[in-house]
N, C-alpha and C. Protein backbone atom coordinates (compact mmCIF):
# COMPACT_ATOMS: atom_id res chain seq x y z
N MET A 1 5.41 75.20 -13.38
CA MET A 1 5.10 74.60 -14.57
C MET A 1 6.12 73.58 -15.47
N LYS A 2 5.87 72.46 -15.84
CA LYS A 2 6.61 72.19 -16.19
C LYS A 2 7.16 71.36 -17.82
N SER A 3 6.09 71.55 -18.37
CA SER A 3 6.04 70.62 -19.81
C SER A 3 7.20 72.51 -20.60
N LYS A 4 7.35 71.77 -22.03
CA LYS A 4 8.43 72.32 -22.96
C LYS A 4 7.20 73.14 -23.79
N PHE A 5 8.52 73.94 -24.66
CA PHE A 5 7.98 74.52 -25.48
C PHE A 5 7.12 74.14 -26.21
N LEU A 6 6.53 74.98 -26.91
CA LEU A 6 5.15 74.29 -28.00
C LEU A 6 4.51 72.92 -26.90
N THR A 7 4.17 72.62 -25.83
CA THR A 7 4.12 71.35 -25.64
C THR A 7 3.05 71.73 -25.00
N LEU A 8 2.32 70.61 -23.83
CA LEU A 8 1.34 70.62 -22.90
C LEU A 8 1.37 69.23 -22.20
N ASP A 9 0.83 69.47 -21.10
CA ASP A 9 1.15 68.01 -20.65
C ASP A 9 -0.68 68.06 -19.76
N TRP A 10 -0.88 67.11 -18.49
CA TRP A 10 -2.15 67.26 -17.92
C TRP A 10 -2.66 68.27 -16.65
N LYS A 11 -1.25 68.46 -16.49
CA LYS A 11 -0.89 69.62 -15.26
C LYS A 11 -1.73 70.81 -16.07
N ASP A 12 -0.94 71.56 -17.25
CA ASP A 12 -1.99 72.36 -18.72
C ASP A 12 -3.39 72.31 -19.06
N PHE A 13 -3.71 70.20 -19.18
CA PHE A 13 -4.69 70.82 -19.87
C PHE A 13 -5.99 71.15 -18.10
N SER A 14 -5.42 70.29 -17.33
CA SER A 14 -6.56 69.93 -16.42
C SER A 14 -6.81 71.75 -16.22
N ARG A 15 -5.52 72.33 -15.34
CA ARG A 15 -5.69 73.74 -14.76
C ARG A 15 -7.22 74.73 -16.00
N GLY A 16 -6.81 74.20 -17.68
CA GLY A 16 -7.36 75.01 -18.59
C GLY A 16 -9.02 74.89 -17.93
N LEU A 17 -9.06 73.28 -18.50
CA LEU A 17 -10.70 72.99 -17.66
C LEU A 17 -11.35 73.75 -16.44
N LEU A 18 -10.02 73.52 -15.84
CA LEU A 18 -10.35 74.69 -13.99
C LEU A 18 -10.85 76.46 -14.11
N ILE A 19 -10.28 76.60 -15.49
CA ILE A 19 -10.53 78.61 -15.47
C ILE A 19 -11.91 78.27 -16.01
N ALA A 20 -12.10 77.15 -17.23
CA ALA A 20 -12.99 77.48 -17.85
C ALA A 20 -14.24 76.94 -17.31
N PHE A 21 -14.71 76.32 -15.95
CA PHE A 21 -15.12 75.98 -15.56
C PHE A 21 -15.34 76.65 -14.79
N LEU A 22 -14.43 77.47 -14.45
CA LEU A 22 -14.66 78.72 -13.51
C LEU A 22 -15.08 79.93 -14.27
N THR A 23 -15.18 80.23 -14.70
CA THR A 23 -15.25 81.14 -15.89
C THR A 23 -16.35 81.58 -16.24
N ALA A 24 -17.07 80.61 -16.64
CA ALA A 24 -18.29 79.50 -16.86
C ALA A 24 -19.81 80.14 -15.59
N VAL A 25 -18.64 78.99 -14.80
CA VAL A 25 -19.21 79.71 -13.27
C VAL A 25 -19.90 80.67 -13.03
N LEU A 26 -18.97 82.34 -12.88
CA LEU A 26 -18.44 83.52 -13.07
C LEU A 26 -20.02 84.06 -13.72
N THR A 27 -19.45 83.69 -15.05
CA THR A 27 -20.17 84.70 -16.15
C THR A 27 -21.90 84.77 -16.14
N GLY A 28 -21.49 82.96 -15.52
CA GLY A 28 -23.40 82.87 -15.80
C GLY A 28 -24.12 83.51 -14.51
N VAL A 29 -23.80 83.10 -13.85
CA VAL A 29 -24.41 84.29 -12.16
C VAL A 29 -24.13 85.32 -12.11
N ILE A 30 -23.04 85.89 -12.86
CA ILE A 30 -23.73 87.45 -13.58
C ILE A 30 -24.90 87.73 -14.01
N ASN A 31 -24.54 87.32 -15.87
CA ASN A 31 -25.53 87.45 -16.92
C ASN A 31 -27.26 86.72 -16.13
N ILE A 32 -27.07 85.41 -15.10
CA ILE A 32 -28.71 85.10 -14.56
C ILE A 32 -29.45 85.82 -13.69
N LEU A 33 -28.35 86.81 -13.16
CA LEU A 33 -28.42 87.92 -12.10
C LEU A 33 -29.01 88.98 -13.05
N ASP A 34 -28.96 89.16 -13.90
CA ASP A 34 -29.36 90.61 -15.20
C ASP A 34 -30.56 90.51 -15.62
N ALA A 35 -31.04 88.87 -16.01
CA ALA A 35 -31.43 88.43 -16.74
C ALA A 35 -33.25 88.03 -15.92
N GLY A 36 -32.72 88.52 -14.47
CA GLY A 36 -33.87 87.75 -13.22
C GLY A 36 -34.24 86.63 -13.15
N ALA A 37 -32.44 85.32 -12.73
CA ALA A 37 -33.28 84.47 -13.17
C ALA A 37 -33.83 83.71 -14.48
N VAL A 38 -33.03 83.57 -15.31
CA VAL A 38 -33.50 83.13 -16.38
C VAL A 38 -32.77 82.20 -17.15
N PHE A 39 -33.49 80.85 -17.26
CA PHE A 39 -31.95 80.13 -17.65
C PHE A 39 -32.74 79.47 -19.71
N THR A 40 -32.29 80.50 -20.11
CA THR A 40 -32.90 80.23 -21.82
C THR A 40 -31.24 80.66 -22.74
N TRP A 41 -31.21 80.28 -24.10
CA TRP A 41 -30.34 79.49 -24.50
C TRP A 41 -29.47 81.49 -24.81
N VAL A 42 -30.21 82.32 -24.82
CA VAL A 42 -29.38 83.46 -25.00
C VAL A 42 -28.98 83.53 -23.56
N THR A 43 -29.46 83.43 -22.98
CA THR A 43 -28.75 83.54 -21.18
C THR A 43 -26.91 83.00 -20.74
N MET A 44 -27.27 81.44 -21.55
CA MET A 44 -26.05 81.09 -21.20
C MET A 44 -25.05 80.90 -22.53
N LYS A 45 -25.52 80.99 -23.74
CA LYS A 45 -24.60 80.72 -24.80
C LYS A 45 -23.13 81.73 -24.39
N PRO A 46 -24.17 83.52 -24.08
CA PRO A 46 -22.38 84.35 -23.83
C PRO A 46 -21.35 83.26 -22.34
N VAL A 47 -22.30 81.97 -21.08
CA VAL A 47 -21.86 81.58 -20.43
C VAL A 47 -20.73 80.91 -21.13
N LEU A 48 -21.26 79.99 -22.36
CA LEU A 48 -19.95 78.49 -23.15
C LEU A 48 -19.18 79.53 -23.18
N ILE A 49 -19.35 80.72 -24.33
CA ILE A 49 -18.50 81.09 -24.81
C ILE A 49 -17.41 81.75 -24.40
N ALA A 50 -18.06 81.84 -22.46
CA ALA A 50 -16.69 82.89 -21.36
C ALA A 50 -15.45 81.67 -21.53
N GLY A 51 -16.01 80.56 -21.13
CA GLY A 51 -15.62 79.30 -20.83
C GLY A 51 -14.59 78.89 -22.46
N VAL A 52 -15.18 78.39 -22.66
CA VAL A 52 -14.61 77.89 -23.97
C VAL A 52 -13.02 79.10 -24.31
N SER A 53 -13.72 80.42 -24.68
CA SER A 53 -12.60 81.21 -24.44
C SER A 53 -11.31 81.49 -23.61
N ALA A 54 -11.38 81.33 -21.80
CA ALA A 54 -11.25 81.08 -20.77
C ALA A 54 -9.84 79.72 -21.26
N ALA A 55 -10.42 79.02 -21.66
CA ALA A 55 -10.56 77.81 -21.56
C ALA A 55 -8.48 77.68 -22.76
N LEU A 56 -9.19 78.69 -23.78
CA LEU A 56 -8.09 78.13 -24.91
C LEU A 56 -7.34 79.40 -24.81
N SER A 57 -7.55 80.48 -24.57
CA SER A 57 -6.53 81.35 -24.23
C SER A 57 -5.25 80.74 -22.89
N TYR A 58 -5.80 79.81 -22.06
CA TYR A 58 -5.05 79.38 -21.52
C TYR A 58 -3.66 78.13 -21.29
N LEU A 59 -4.29 77.30 -22.95
CA LEU A 59 -3.67 76.41 -23.29
C LEU A 59 -2.99 77.34 -24.37
N LEU A 60 -3.16 77.82 -25.37
CA LEU A 60 -2.19 79.06 -25.82
C LEU A 60 -1.25 79.49 -25.29
N LYS A 61 -1.50 80.03 -24.09
CA LYS A 61 -0.45 80.94 -23.18
C LYS A 61 0.82 79.99 -22.60
N CYS A 62 -0.14 79.28 -22.34
CA CYS A 62 0.26 77.47 -22.13
C CYS A 62 1.62 76.79 -23.56
N LEU A 63 1.43 76.80 -24.47
CA LEU A 63 1.38 76.29 -25.70
C LEU A 63 3.23 77.12 -25.63
N ALA A 64 2.94 78.55 -25.24
CA ALA A 64 3.75 79.85 -25.96
C ALA A 64 4.67 79.41 -24.46
N THR A 65 4.51 78.77 -23.78
CA THR A 65 5.53 79.21 -22.89
C THR A 65 6.10 78.30 -22.69
N ASN A 66 7.74 77.60 -21.95
CA ASN A 66 9.12 77.67 -21.98
C ASN A 66 8.61 76.92 -20.86
N SER A 67 9.54 75.91 -19.89
CA SER A 67 9.14 75.43 -18.36
C SER A 67 9.62 76.19 -17.35
N GLN A 68 9.98 77.11 -17.88
CA GLN A 68 10.55 78.05 -17.14
C GLN A 68 9.66 79.79 -16.66
N ASP A 69 8.94 79.41 -17.85
CA ASP A 69 7.79 80.22 -17.83
C ASP A 69 8.33 81.54 -18.66
N GLN A 70 9.22 81.66 -19.93
CA GLN A 70 9.54 82.43 -20.60
C GLN A 70 8.05 82.44 -21.87
N MET A 71 7.50 83.49 -22.23
CA MET A 71 6.98 83.46 -23.40
C MET A 71 7.83 83.90 -24.80
N PHE A 72 7.03 82.67 -25.46
CA PHE A 72 8.33 83.18 -27.33
C PHE A 72 9.28 82.29 -26.90
N LYS A 73 9.66 81.29 -26.10
CA LYS A 73 11.64 81.40 -25.89
C LYS A 73 11.38 79.87 -25.31
N ARG A 74 12.37 79.01 -26.66
CA ARG A 74 13.14 77.95 -26.27
C ARG A 74 13.54 77.40 -24.77
N GLU A 75 12.97 76.25 -24.21
CA GLU A 75 13.86 75.85 -23.68
C GLU A 75 15.49 75.84 -23.83
N PRO A 76 15.66 76.45 -22.50
CA PRO A 76 17.32 76.96 -22.63
C PRO A 76 18.17 75.29 -21.70
N VAL A 77 18.99 75.73 -22.94
CA VAL A 77 20.04 74.70 -22.66
C VAL A 77 20.95 73.95 -22.00
N LEU A 78 20.81 73.14 -21.06
CA LEU A 78 21.51 73.19 -19.64
C LEU A 78 23.04 72.29 -20.42
N THR A 79 23.68 72.97 -19.76
CA THR A 79 24.69 72.55 -19.89
C THR A 79 26.39 71.42 -18.55
């Protein structure tokens, strides 16, 4: 991770989208198998919620870490 504290770069954003996609796919497969392979709003709504939640969690984690992957710490001062 190279982005600075409280910033995001394209790599963070693309990883967040990848996590959202994978979470949605896995949640969708589980829900669809449980529901008997029915594609309705009732079965797809939790899939969308899980995907968006995973993406937002990852992006918030990226915002809260510095370039050395330390949570809630400012960038180290280089001397």
